[in-house]
PDB file of N, CA and C in Angstrom:
ATOM      1  N   MET A   1       9.713  10.793 -16.391  1.00  0.00           N
ATOM      2  CA  MET A   1      10.251  10.417 -16.042  1.00  0.00           C
ATOM      3  C   MET A   1       9.383   9.242 -15.380  1.00  0.00           C
ATOM      4  N   ASP A   2       9.640   8.161 -15.376  1.00  0.00           N
ATOM      5  CA  ASP A   2       8.742   7.033 -14.650  1.00  0.00           C
ATOM      6  C   ASP A   2       8.719   6.837 -13.110  1.00  0.00           C
ATOM      7  N   LEU A   3       7.721   6.683 -12.614  1.00  0.00           N
ATOM      8  CA  LEU A   3       7.494   6.462 -10.756  1.00  0.00           C
ATOM      9  C   LEU A   3       7.447   5.101 -10.780  1.00  0.00           C
ATOM     10  N   GLU A   4       8.082   4.246  -9.448  1.00  0.00           N
ATOM     11  CA  GLU A   4       7.778   3.025  -9.498  1.00  0.00           C
ATOM     12  C   GLU A   4       8.163   3.118  -7.653  1.00  0.00           C
ATOM     13  N   ILE A   5       7.208   2.489  -7.209  1.00  0.00           N
ATOM     14  CA  ILE A   5       6.669   2.471  -5.439  1.00  0.00           C
ATOM     15  C   ILE A   5       6.920   0.803  -5.469  1.00  0.00           C
ATOM     16  N   VAL A   6       7.738   0.835  -4.364  1.00  0.00           N
ATOM     17  CA  VAL A   6       7.482  -0.923  -3.924  1.00  0.00           C
ATOM     18  C   VAL A   6       7.157  -0.913  -2.523  1.00  0.00           C
ATOM     19  N   ALA A   7       6.137  -1.853  -2.242  1.00  0.00           N
ATOM     20  CA  ALA A   7       6.071  -1.872  -0.457  1.00  0.00           C
ATOM     21  C   ALA A   7       5.950  -3.553  -0.194  1.00  0.00           C
ATOM     22  N   ARG A   8       6.898  -4.134   0.407  1.00  0.00           N
ATOM     23  CA  ARG A   8       6.656  -5.055   1.165  1.00  0.00           C
ATOM     24  C   ARG A   8       6.460  -5.427   2.848  1.00  0.00           C
ATOM     25  N   ILE A   9       5.490  -6.482   3.241  1.00  0.00           N
ATOM     26  CA  ILE A   9       5.141  -7.219   4.582  1.00  0.00           C
ATOM     27  C   ILE A   9       5.947  -8.160   4.568  1.00  0.00           C
ATOM     28  N   LYS A  10       7.059  -7.693   5.108  1.00  0.00           N
ATOM     29  CA  LYS A  10       7.890  -8.960   5.738  1.00  0.00           C
ATOM     30  C   LYS A  10       7.370  -9.777   7.441  1.00  0.00           C
ATOM     31  N   GLY A  11       7.271 -10.391   7.116  1.00  0.00           N
ATOM     32  CA  GLY A  11       7.008 -11.495   8.437  1.00  0.00           C
ATOM     33  C   GLY A  11       8.268 -12.275   9.144  1.00  0.00           C
ATOM     34  N   LYS A  12       8.002 -12.407  10.691  1.00  0.00           N
ATOM     35  CA  LYS A  12       9.108 -13.526  11.162  1.00  0.00           C
ATOM     36  C   LYS A  12       9.631 -14.090  10.740  1.00  0.00           C
ATOM     37  N   ASP A  13       8.193 -15.326   9.865  1.00  0.00           N
ATOM     38  CA  ASP A  13       8.883 -16.603   9.480  1.00  0.00           C
ATOM     39  C   ASP A  13       9.485 -16.444   8.088  1.00  0.00           C
ATOM     40  N   GLY A  14       9.736 -15.031   7.393  1.00  0.00           N
ATOM     41  CA  GLY A  14      10.484 -14.890   6.096  1.00  0.00           C
ATOM     42  C   GLY A  14       9.405 -14.603   4.708  1.00  0.00           C
ATOM     43  N   THR A  15       7.974 -15.098   5.114  1.00  0.00           N
ATOM     44  CA  THR A  15       6.912 -14.897   4.294  1.00  0.00           C
ATOM     45  C   THR A  15       7.205 -13.057   4.220  1.00  0.00           C
ATOM     46  N   MET A  16       6.514 -12.692   2.907  1.00  0.00           N
ATOM     47  CA  MET A  16       6.754 -11.676   2.353  1.00  0.00           C
ATOM     48  C   MET A  16       5.499 -11.121   1.697  1.00  0.00           C
ATOM     49  N   ILE A  17       4.634 -10.551   1.476  1.00  0.00           N
ATOM     50  CA  ILE A  17       3.825  -9.716   0.811  1.00  0.00           C
ATOM     51  C   ILE A  17       4.262  -8.789   0.011  1.00  0.00           C
ATOM     52  N   GLU A  18       4.135  -8.516  -1.415  1.00  0.00           N
ATOM     53  CA  GLU A  18       4.891  -7.157  -1.886  1.00  0.00           C
ATOM     54  C   GLU A  18       3.665  -6.572  -2.909  1.00  0.00           C
ATOM     55  N   LYS A  19       4.039  -5.314  -3.275  1.00  0.00           N
ATOM     56  CA  LYS A  19       2.862  -4.602  -4.103  1.00  0.00           C
ATOM     57  C   LYS A  19       3.849  -3.918  -5.099  1.00  0.00           C
ATOM     58  N   THR A  20       3.881  -3.227  -5.905  1.00  0.00           N
ATOM     59  CA  THR A  20       4.418  -2.502  -7.212  1.00  0.00           C
ATOM     60  C   THR A  20       3.658  -1.938  -7.955  1.00  0.00           C
ATOM     61  N   VAL A  21       4.038  -0.500  -8.214  1.00  0.00           N
ATOM     62  CA  VAL A  21       3.108  -0.135  -8.634  1.00  0.00           C
ATOM     63  C   VAL A  21       4.271   1.179  -9.177  1.00  0.00           C
ATOM     64  N   ARG A  22       3.905   0.726 -11.083  1.00  0.00           N
ATOM     65  CA  ARG A  22       4.459   1.730 -11.392  1.00  0.00           C
ATOM     66  C   ARG A  22       3.567   2.280 -12.694  1.00  0.00           C
ATOM     67  N   ILE A  23       3.934   3.966 -12.814  1.00  0.00           N
ATOM     68  CA  ILE A  23       3.499   5.285 -13.310  1.00  0.00           C
ATOM     69  C   ILE A  23       4.550   5.647 -14.364  1.00  0.00           C
ATOM     70  N   ASP A  24       4.440   4.764 -15.874  1.00  0.00           N
ATOM     71  CA  ASP A  24       5.401   5.904 -16.562  1.00  0.00           C
ATOM     72  C   ASP A  24       4.669   7.106 -17.120  1.00  0.00           C
ATOM     73  N   GLY A  25       6.082   7.742 -17.067  1.00  0.00           N
ATOM     74  CA  GLY A  25       5.595   9.439 -17.608  1.00  0.00           C
ATOM     75  C   GLY A  25       4.930  10.279 -16.633  1.00  0.00           C
ATOM     76  N   ALA A  26       5.244   9.837 -15.330  1.00  0.00           N
ATOM     77  CA  ALA A  26       4.044  10.110 -14.391  1.00  0.00           C
ATOM     78  C   ALA A  26       4.923  11.597 -13.419  1.00  0.00           C
ATOM     79  N   ILE A  27       6.066  11.924 -13.783  1.00  0.00           N
ATOM     80  CA  ILE A  27       6.863  12.811 -13.343  1.00  0.00           C
ATOM     81  C   ILE A  27       7.631  13.839 -14.247  1.00  0.00           C
ATOM     82  N   PRO A  28       7.799  15.118 -13.959  1.00  0.00           N
ATOM     83  CA  PRO A  28       8.092  15.607 -14.982  1.00  0.00           C
ATOM     84  C   PRO A  28       9.440  15.526 -14.622  1.00  0.00           C
ATOM     85  N   ASN A  29      10.642  15.392 -16.189  1.00  0.00           N
ATOM     86  CA  ASN A  29      12.206  15.356 -15.521  1.00  0.00           C
ATOM     87  C   ASN A  29      12.731  16.195 -14.734  1.00  0.00           C
ATOM     88  N   VAL A  30      13.497  15.243 -13.792  1.00  0.00           N
ATOM     89  CA  VAL A  30      14.665  16.924 -13.640  1.00  0.00           C
ATOM     90  C   VAL A  30      15.000  18.060 -14.015  1.00  0.00           C
ATOM     91  N   TYR A  31      15.289  17.785 -15.325  1.00  0.00           N
ATOM     92  CA  TYR A  31      16.069  18.831 -16.230  1.00  0.00           C
ATOM     93  C   TYR A  31      14.686  19.762 -17.194  1.00  0.00           C
ATOM     94  N   ASP A  32      13.670  19.658 -16.522  1.00  0.00           N
ATOM     95  CA  ASP A  32      12.350  19.865 -17.274  1.00  0.00           C
ATOM     96  C   ASP A  32      12.016  20.969 -16.198  1.00  0.00           C
ATOM     97  N   PHE A  33      12.098  20.390 -15.064  1.00  0.00           N
ATOM     98  CA  PHE A  33      11.348  21.379 -13.733  1.00  0.00           C
ATOM     99  C   PHE A  33      11.794  22.259 -13.814  1.00  0.00           C
ATOM    100  N   ASP A  34      10.900  23.610 -13.941  1.00  0.00           N
ATOM    101  CA  ASP A  34      10.818  25.019 -14.275  1.00  0.00           C
ATOM    102  C   ASP A  34      11.109  25.997 -13.188  1.00  0.00           C
ATOM    103  N   LEU A  35      11.965  26.317 -13.189  1.00  0.00           N
ATOM    104  CA  LEU A  35      12.746  27.140 -11.678  1.00  0.00           C
ATOM    105  C   LEU A  35      12.281  28.457 -12.033  1.00  0.00           C
ATOM    106  N   SER A  36      11.817  29.067 -12.969  1.00  0.00           N
ATOM    107  CA  SER A  36      11.742  30.544 -13.545  1.00  0.00           C
ATOM    108  C   SER A  36      11.384  31.280 -12.623  1.00  0.00           C
ATOM    109  N   THR A  37       9.914  30.794 -12.564  1.00  0.00           N
ATOM    110  CA  THR A  37       8.984  31.525 -11.785  1.00  0.00           C
ATOM    111  C   THR A  37       8.632  30.566 -10.428  1.00  0.00           C
ATOM    112  N   LYS A  38       7.957  31.181  -9.899  1.00  0.00           N
ATOM    113  CA  LYS A  38       7.571  30.913  -8.735  1.00  0.00           C
ATOM    114  C   LYS A  38       6.168  29.770  -9.250  1.00  0.00           C
ATOM    115  N   ASP A  39       5.337  30.287 -10.113  1.00  0.00           N
ATOM    116  CA  ASP A  39       4.083  29.902 -10.329  1.00  0.00           C
ATOM    117  C   ASP A  39       4.543  29.079 -11.278  1.00  0.00           C
ATOM    118  N   ARG A  40       5.557  28.580 -12.224  1.00  0.00           N
ATOM    119  CA  ARG A  40       5.893  27.886 -13.112  1.00  0.00           C
ATOM    120  C   ARG A  40       6.262  26.155 -12.023  1.00  0.00           C
ATOM    121  N   PHE A  41       7.255  26.197 -10.922  1.00  0.00           N
ATOM    122  CA  PHE A  41       7.764  25.713 -10.162  1.00  0.00           C
ATOM    123  C   PHE A  41       6.777  25.048  -9.452  1.00  0.00           C
ATOM    124  N   LEU A  42       5.819  25.900  -8.739  1.00  0.00           N
ATOM    125  CA  LEU A  42       4.671  25.163  -8.194  1.00  0.00           C
ATOM    126  C   LEU A  42       3.863  23.874  -8.873  1.00  0.00           C
ATOM    127  N   LYS A  43       3.903  24.567 -10.465  1.00  0.00           N
ATOM    128  CA  LYS A  43       2.877  23.539 -11.234  1.00  0.00           C
ATOM    129  C   LYS A  43       3.909  22.511 -11.037  1.00  0.00           C
ATOM    130  N   ASP A  44       5.189  22.406 -11.318  1.00  0.00           N
ATOM    131  CA  ASP A  44       5.615  21.144 -11.651  1.00  0.00           C
ATOM    132  C   ASP A  44       5.450  20.011 -10.258  1.00  0.00           C
ATOM    133  N   LEU A  45       5.982  21.279  -9.313  1.00  0.00           N
ATOM    134  CA  LEU A  45       6.265  20.244  -7.944  1.00  0.00           C
ATOM    135  C   LEU A  45       4.137  19.467  -7.680  1.00  0.00           C
ATOM    136  N   GLY A  46       2.989  20.715  -8.108  1.00  0.00           N
ATOM    137  CA  GLY A  46       1.988  19.761  -8.271  1.00  0.00           C
ATOM    138  C   GLY A  46       1.724  18.872  -8.718  1.00  0.00           C
ATOM    139  N   GLU A  47       2.236  18.697 -10.275  1.00  0.00           N
ATOM    140  CA  GLU A  47       2.628  17.354 -11.144  1.00  0.00           C
ATOM    141  C   GLU A  47       3.021  16.036 -10.144  1.00  0.00           C
ATOM    142  N   LEU A  48       4.533  16.332  -9.322  1.00  0.00           N
ATOM    143  CA  LEU A  48       5.012  15.669  -9.370  1.00  0.00           C
ATOM    144  C   LEU A  48       3.944  15.262  -7.826  1.00  0.00           C
ATOM    145  N   GLU A  49       3.532  15.791  -7.058  1.00  0.00           N
ATOM    146  CA  GLU A  49       2.890  15.423  -5.661  1.00  0.00           C
ATOM    147  C   GLU A  49       1.448  14.735  -6.114  1.00  0.00           C
ATOM    148  N   GLN A  50       1.130  15.279  -7.251  1.00  0.00           N
ATOM    149  CA  GLN A  50      -0.128  14.351  -7.403  1.00  0.00           C
ATOM    150  C   GLN A  50      -0.104  12.667  -7.939  1.00  0.00           C
ATOM    151  N   ALA A  51       1.224  12.678  -8.487  1.00  0.00           N
ATOM    152  CA  ALA A  51       2.142  10.830  -9.236  1.00  0.00           C
ATOM    153  C   ALA A  51       2.230  10.421  -8.280  1.00  0.00           C
ATOM    154  N   VAL A  52       2.560  11.019  -7.214  1.00  0.00           N
ATOM    155  CA  VAL A  52       3.104  10.333  -6.457  1.00  0.00           C
ATOM    156  C   VAL A  52       2.473   9.836  -5.440  1.00  0.00           C
ATOM    157  N   LEU A  53       1.366  10.590  -4.783  1.00  0.00           N
ATOM    158  CA  LEU A  53       0.153  10.215  -4.394  1.00  0.00           C
ATOM    159  C   LEU A  53      -0.543   9.340  -4.582  1.00  0.00           C
ATOM    160  N   SER A  54      -1.123   9.800  -6.117  1.00  0.00           N
ATOM    161  CA  SER A  54      -1.339   8.631  -6.825  1.00  0.00           C
ATOM    162  C   SER A  54      -1.246   7.195  -6.912  1.00  0.00           C
ATOM    163  N   ALA A  55       0.407   7.590  -6.871  1.00  0.00           N
ATOM    164  CA  ALA A  55       1.022   6.117  -6.933  1.00  0.00           C
ATOM    165  C   ALA A  55       0.590   5.008  -5.228  1.00  0.00           C
ATOM    166  N   ARG A  56       0.841   6.157  -4.292  1.00  0.00           N
ATOM    167  CA  ARG A  56       0.956   5.641  -3.130  1.00  0.00           C
ATOM    168  C   ARG A  56      -0.413   5.299  -2.499  1.00  0.00           C
ATOM    169  N   ASN A  57      -1.614   5.557  -3.380  1.00  0.00           N
ATOM    170  CA  ASN A  57      -2.965   5.155  -3.006  1.00  0.00           C
ATOM    171  C   ASN A  57      -3.086   3.740  -3.485  1.00  0.00           C
ATOM    172  N   GLN A  58      -2.362   3.851  -4.717  1.00  0.00           N
ATOM    173  CA  GLN A  58      -2.624   2.705  -5.318  1.00  0.00           C
ATOM    174  C   GLN A  58      -2.285   1.100  -4.656  1.00  0.00           C
ATOM    175  N   MET A  59      -0.454   1.558  -4.279  1.00  0.00           N
ATOM    176  CA  MET A  59       0.171   0.645  -3.949  1.00  0.00           C
ATOM    177  C   MET A  59      -0.362   0.384  -2.778  1.00  0.00           C
ATOM    178  N   ALA A  60      -1.117   1.121  -1.622  1.00  0.00           N
ATOM    179  CA  ALA A  60      -2.183   0.798  -0.514  1.00  0.00           C
ATOM    180  C   ALA A  60      -3.063  -0.196  -0.779  1.00  0.00           C
ATOM    181  N   GLU A  61      -3.896   0.329  -2.017  1.00  0.00           N
ATOM    182  CA  GLU A  61      -5.084  -1.045  -1.888  1.00  0.00           C
ATOM    183  C   GLU A  61      -4.417  -2.050  -2.406  1.00  0.00           C
ATOM    184  N   GLY A  62      -3.569  -1.864  -3.198  1.00  0.00           N
ATOM    185  CA  GLY A  62      -3.093  -2.877  -4.081  1.00  0.00           C
ATOM    186  C   GLY A  62      -2.605  -4.157  -2.792  1.00  0.00           C
ATOM    187  N   LEU A  63      -1.759  -3.696  -2.346  1.00  0.00           N
ATOM    188  CA  LEU A  63      -1.180  -4.208  -0.586  1.00  0.00           C
ATOM    189  C   LEU A  63      -1.869  -4.970   0.191  1.00  0.00           C
ATOM    190  N   ALA A  64      -3.125  -4.389   0.598  1.00  0.00           N
ATOM    191  CA  ALA A  64      -3.668  -4.340   1.453  1.00  0.00           C
ATOM    192  C   ALA A  64      -4.717  -5.700   0.732  1.00  0.00           C
ATOM    193  N   GLU A  65      -5.508  -5.764  -0.567  1.00  0.00           N
ATOM    194  CA  GLU A  65      -5.725  -6.331  -0.607  1.00  0.00           C
ATOM    195  C   GLU A  65      -4.946  -7.822  -1.154  1.00  0.00           C
ATOM    196  N   ASN A  66      -3.372  -8.028  -1.112  1.00  0.00           N
ATOM    197  CA  ASN A  66      -2.992  -9.231  -1.484  1.00  0.00           C
ATOM    198  C   ASN A  66      -2.939  -9.446   0.106  1.00  0.00           C
ATOM    199  N   TYR A  67      -3.183  -8.870   0.812  1.00  0.00           N
ATOM    200  CA  TYR A  67      -2.874  -9.191   2.478  1.00  0.00           C
ATOM    201  C   TYR A  67      -4.042  -9.899   2.916  1.00  0.00           C
ATOM    202  N   LEU A  68      -5.125  -8.940   2.485  1.00  0.00           N
ATOM    203  CA  LEU A  68      -5.934  -9.435   2.764  1.00  0.00           C
ATOM    204  C   LEU A  68      -6.271 -10.973   2.331  1.00  0.00           C
ATOM    205  N   GLY A  69      -5.978 -11.146   1.054  1.00  0.00           N
ATOM    206  CA  GLY A  69      -6.320 -12.264   0.027  1.00  0.00           C
ATOM    207  C   GLY A  69      -5.252 -13.330   0.670  1.00  0.00           C
ATOM    208  N   THR A  70      -4.305 -13.268   1.245  1.00  0.00           N
ATOM    209  CA  THR A  70      -3.246 -13.973   2.033  1.00  0.00           C
ATOM    210  C   THR A  70      -3.648 -14.740   2.921  1.00  0.00           C
ATOM    211  N   VAL A  71      -5.021 -13.397   3.795  1.00  0.00           N
ATOM    212  CA  VAL A  71      -5.346 -13.989   5.353  1.00  0.00           C
ATOM    213  C   VAL A  71      -6.144 -14.996   4.430  1.00  0.00           C
ATOM    214  N   SER A  72      -7.019 -14.682   4.008  1.00  0.00           N
ATOM    215  CA  SER A  72      -8.176 -15.583   3.439  1.00  0.00           C
ATOM    216  C   SER A  72      -8.404 -16.704   2.890  1.00  0.00           C
ATOM    217  N   LYS A  73      -6.595 -17.225   2.570  1.00  0.00           N
ATOM    218  CA  LYS A  73      -6.600 -18.556   2.181  1.00  0.00           C
ATOM    219  C   LYS A  73      -6.095 -19.444   3.440  1.00  0.00           C
ATOM    220  N   LYS A  74      -6.183 -18.527   4.692  1.00  0.00           N
ATOM    221  CA  LYS A  74      -5.503 -19.447   6.012  1.00  0.00           C
ATOM    222  C   LYS A  74      -7.143 -19.877   6.372  1.00  0.00           C
ATOM    223  N   THR A  75      -8.203 -20.620   5.928  1.00  0.00           N
ATOM    224  CA  THR A  75      -9.052 -20.659   6.466  1.00  0.00           C
ATOM    225  C   THR A  75      -9.234 -21.678   7.653  1.00  0.00           C
ATOM    226  N   GLY A  76      -8.092 -22.843   7.509  1.00  0.00           N
ATOM    227  CA  GLY A  76      -7.432 -23.782   8.793  1.00  0.00           C
ATOM    228  C   GLY A  76      -7.181 -23.271   9.729  1.00  0.00           C
ATOM    229  N   ILE A  77      -7.249 -21.979  10.132  1.00  0.00           N
ATOM    230  CA  ILE A  77      -6.860 -21.613  10.910  1.00  0.00           C
ATOM    231  C   ILE A  77      -7.763 -21.739  11.495  1.00  0.00           C
ATOM    232  N   ARG A  78      -9.018 -21.207  11.867  1.00  0.00           N
ATOM    233  CA  ARG A  78     -10.488 -21.249  12.737  1.00  0.00           C
ATOM    234  C   ARG A  78     -10.420 -22.099  13.093  1.00  0.00           C
ATOM    235  N   ARG A  79     -10.977 -23.336  11.861  1.00  0.00           N
ATOM    236  CA  ARG A  79     -10.995 -24.602  12.564  1.00  0.00           C
ATOM    237  C   ARG A  79     -10.730 -25.196  13.325  1.00  0.00           C
ATOM    238  N   ASN A  80      -9.387 -24.985  13.534  1.00  0.00           N
ATOM    239  CA  ASN A  80      -8.322 -25.257  14.577  1.00  0.00           C
ATOM    240  C   ASN A  80      -7.911 -24.972  15.469  1.00  0.00           C
ATOM    241  N   SER A  81      -8.751 -23.962  15.532  1.00  0.00           N
ATOM    242  CA  SER A  81      -8.460 -23.363  16.815  1.00  0.00           C
ATOM    243  C   SER A  81      -8.841 -23.717  17.824  1.00  0.00           C
ATOM    244  N   PRO A  82      -8.629 -23.743  19.485  1.00  0.00           N
ATOM    245  CA  PRO A  82      -9.650 -24.170  20.052  1.00  0.00           C
ATOM    246  C   PRO A  82     -10.630 -23.378  20.612  1.00  0.00           C
ATOM    247  N   ARG A  83     -11.677 -24.294  21.545  1.00  0.00           N
ATOM    248  CA  ARG A  83     -12.496 -23.329  21.568  1.00  0.00           C
ATOM    249  C   ARG A  83     -12.424 -22.411  22.226  1.00  0.00           C
ATOM    250  N   ARG A  84     -13.067 -21.144  22.856  1.00  0.00           N
ATOM    251  CA  ARG A  84     -13.166 -19.907  22.878  1.00  0.00           C
ATOM    252  C   ARG A  84     -13.826 -20.561  24.490  1.00  0.00           C
ATOM    253  N   THR A  85     -13.457 -19.773  25.271  1.00  0.00           N
ATOM    254  CA  THR A  85     -13.616 -20.330  26.677  1.00  0.00           C
ATOM    255  C   THR A  85     -14.988 -18.796  26.941  1.00  0.00           C
ATOM    256  N   SER A  86     -16.084 -19.193  28.250  1.00  0.00           N
ATOM    257  CA  SER A  86     -16.938 -18.455  28.168  1.00  0.00           C
ATOM    258  C   SER A  86     -16.569 -17.033  28.495  1.00  0.00           C
ATOM    259  N   VAL A  87     -15.242 -16.561  28.893  1.00  0.00           N
ATOM    260  CA  VAL A  87     -14.767 -15.560  29.652  1.00  0.00           C
ATOM    261  C   VAL A  87     -14.368 -14.631  27.765  1.00  0.00           C
ATOM    262  N   GLU A  88     -13.870 -15.279  27.238  1.00  0.00           N
ATOM    263  CA  GLU A  88     -13.485 -15.003  25.469  1.00  0.00           C
ATOM    264  C   GLU A  88     -14.828 -14.507  24.810  1.00  0.00           C
ATOM    265  N   THR A  89     -15.988 -15.654  25.256  1.00  0.00           N
ATOM    266  CA  THR A  89     -17.272 -15.072  24.328  1.00  0.00           C
ATOM    267  C   THR A  89     -17.946 -14.199  24.984  1.00  0.00           C
ATOM    268  N   GLU A  90     -17.692 -14.201  26.184  1.00  0.00           N
ATOM    269  CA  GLU A  90     -18.346 -12.701  26.320  1.00  0.00           C
ATOM    270  C   GLU A  90     -17.834 -11.518  25.945  1.00  0.00           C
ATOM    271  N   ILE A  91     -16.400 -11.011  25.852  1.00  0.00           N
ATOM    272  CA  ILE A  91     -15.745 -10.018  25.513  1.00  0.00           C
ATOM    273  C   ILE A  91     -16.057 -10.159  24.085  1.00  0.00           C
ATOM    274  N   TRP A  92     -16.354 -11.252  23.361  1.00  0.00           N
ATOM    275  CA  TRP A  92     -16.085 -11.145  21.237  1.00  0.00           C
ATOM    276  C   TRP A  92     -17.182 -10.945  21.285  1.00  0.00           C
ATOM    277  N   LYS A  93     -18.474 -11.029  22.184  1.00  0.00           N
ATOM    278  CA  LYS A  93     -19.836 -11.362  21.231  1.00  0.00           C
ATOM    279  C   LYS A  93     -20.299 -10.053  20.966  1.00  0.00           C
ATOM    280  N   ASP A  94     -20.040  -9.130  21.350  1.00  0.00           N
ATOM    281  CA  ASP A  94     -20.492  -7.595  20.143  1.00  0.00           C
ATOM    282  C   ASP A  94     -19.638  -7.273  19.165  1.00  0.00           C
ATOM    283  N   ILE A  95     -18.563  -8.049  18.611  1.00  0.00           N
ATOM    284  CA  ILE A  95     -17.631  -8.143  17.533  1.00  0.00           C
ATOM    285  C   ILE A  95     -18.234  -8.174  16.950  1.00  0.00           C
TER     286      ILE A  95
END
């Protein structure tokens, strides 16, 4: 069976960042899941778990890249933002 995970970050203004990960043949077919012994069940369950974790990690990495890519395109925000006050400068100086 194929595994597909879709994640979306939705802004209040309607903007959306989306990432889809699809892995073909990643998990055992539900009819092929072997329930005859505990070891076989755990083997199939392990395959399912590994496929889901792998897809989740790929999705999270891709979603973060898409998000940061979108943020990096908004360079005008810094140039147009008001100057920091002396208090803000003191707070943020070590960061």
